């Protein structure tokens, strides 16, 4: 519930990176792929309806859902 805002999710997804929202989309994609791999390595996962997702993946899905519903 604390992450049900597009600005909060964007900030969390870009946390600890040098990117801003206007950065090159390919560079951001590569950074997010790296964060997903790190999540799995570090056990930073969520199980949602039987799906095992990295926290980064779950946040990406939530952000997409929020932006598409507005």
Protein backbone atom coordinates (compact mmCIF):
# COMPACT_ATOMS: atom_id res chain seq x y z
CA UNK A 1 0.00 0.00 0.00
CA UNK A 2 2.89 2.39 0.60
CA UNK A 3 3.94 2.02 -3.03
CA UNK A 4 0.61 2.73 -4.76
CA UNK A 5 1.76 6.00 -6.32
CA UNK A 6 3.51 6.41 -9.68
CA UNK A 7 5.99 8.95 -8.31
CA UNK A 8 6.92 6.69 -5.39
CA UNK A 9 7.32 3.68 -7.67
CA UNK A 10 9.42 5.64 -10.15
CA UNK A 11 11.67 6.83 -7.35
CA UNK A 12 12.06 3.29 -5.98
CA UNK A 13 12.85 1.85 -9.40
CA UNK A 14 15.47 4.52 -10.05
CA UNK A 15 16.91 4.46 -6.51
CA UNK A 16 20.68 4.05 -6.30
CA UNK A 17 21.09 4.84 -9.98
CA UNK A 18 22.40 7.82 -11.87
CA UNK A 19 19.34 7.98 -14.13
CA UNK A 20 16.51 10.42 -14.24
CA UNK A 21 13.12 9.74 -15.80
CA UNK A 22 14.29 11.41 -19.02
CA UNK A 23 17.34 9.16 -19.46
CA UNK A 24 17.87 6.93 -22.49
CA UNK A 25 15.30 4.13 -22.39
CA UNK A 26 17.82 1.44 -23.35
CA UNK A 27 20.15 2.46 -20.52
CA UNK A 28 17.26 2.40 -18.04
CA UNK A 29 16.18 -1.02 -19.34
CA UNK A 30 19.70 -2.39 -18.83
CA UNK A 31 19.82 -0.93 -15.31
CA UNK A 32 16.45 -2.51 -14.44
CA UNK A 33 17.56 -5.90 -15.78
CA UNK A 34 20.60 -5.66 -13.52
CA UNK A 35 18.39 -4.77 -10.54
CA UNK A 36 16.15 -7.78 -11.25
CA UNK A 37 19.18 -10.09 -11.31
CA UNK A 38 20.43 -8.57 -8.06
CA UNK A 39 17.00 -9.03 -6.46
CA UNK A 40 17.04 -12.75 -7.25
CA UNK A 41 20.64 -13.14 -6.09
CA UNK A 42 19.80 -11.44 -2.79
CA UNK A 43 16.44 -13.16 -2.24
CA UNK A 44 14.55 -9.89 -2.66
CA UNK A 45 11.42 -11.50 -4.10
CA UNK A 46 7.66 -11.45 -3.79
CA UNK A 47 5.23 -14.30 -4.44
CA UNK A 48 2.05 -12.99 -6.00
CA UNK A 49 -0.68 -15.48 -6.88
CA UNK A 50 1.96 -18.19 -7.23
CA UNK A 51 4.26 -16.08 -9.40
CA UNK A 52 7.77 -15.49 -8.06
CA UNK A 53 8.85 -11.98 -9.00
CA UNK A 54 11.77 -9.85 -8.03
CA UNK A 55 10.68 -6.76 -6.12
CA UNK A 56 11.88 -4.70 -9.09
CA UNK A 57 9.62 -6.66 -11.45
CA UNK A 58 6.65 -6.28 -9.11
CA UNK A 59 7.24 -2.53 -8.94
CA UNK A 60 7.49 -2.29 -12.73
CA UNK A 61 4.18 -4.14 -13.10
CA UNK A 62 2.54 -1.91 -10.51
CA UNK A 63 3.82 1.24 -12.21
CA UNK A 64 2.58 0.04 -15.59
CA UNK A 65 -0.83 -0.80 -14.13
CA UNK A 66 -1.17 2.59 -12.43
CA UNK A 67 -0.16 4.55 -15.53
CA UNK A 68 -2.50 2.58 -17.79
CA UNK A 69 -5.50 3.04 -15.51
CA UNK A 70 -5.32 6.84 -15.45
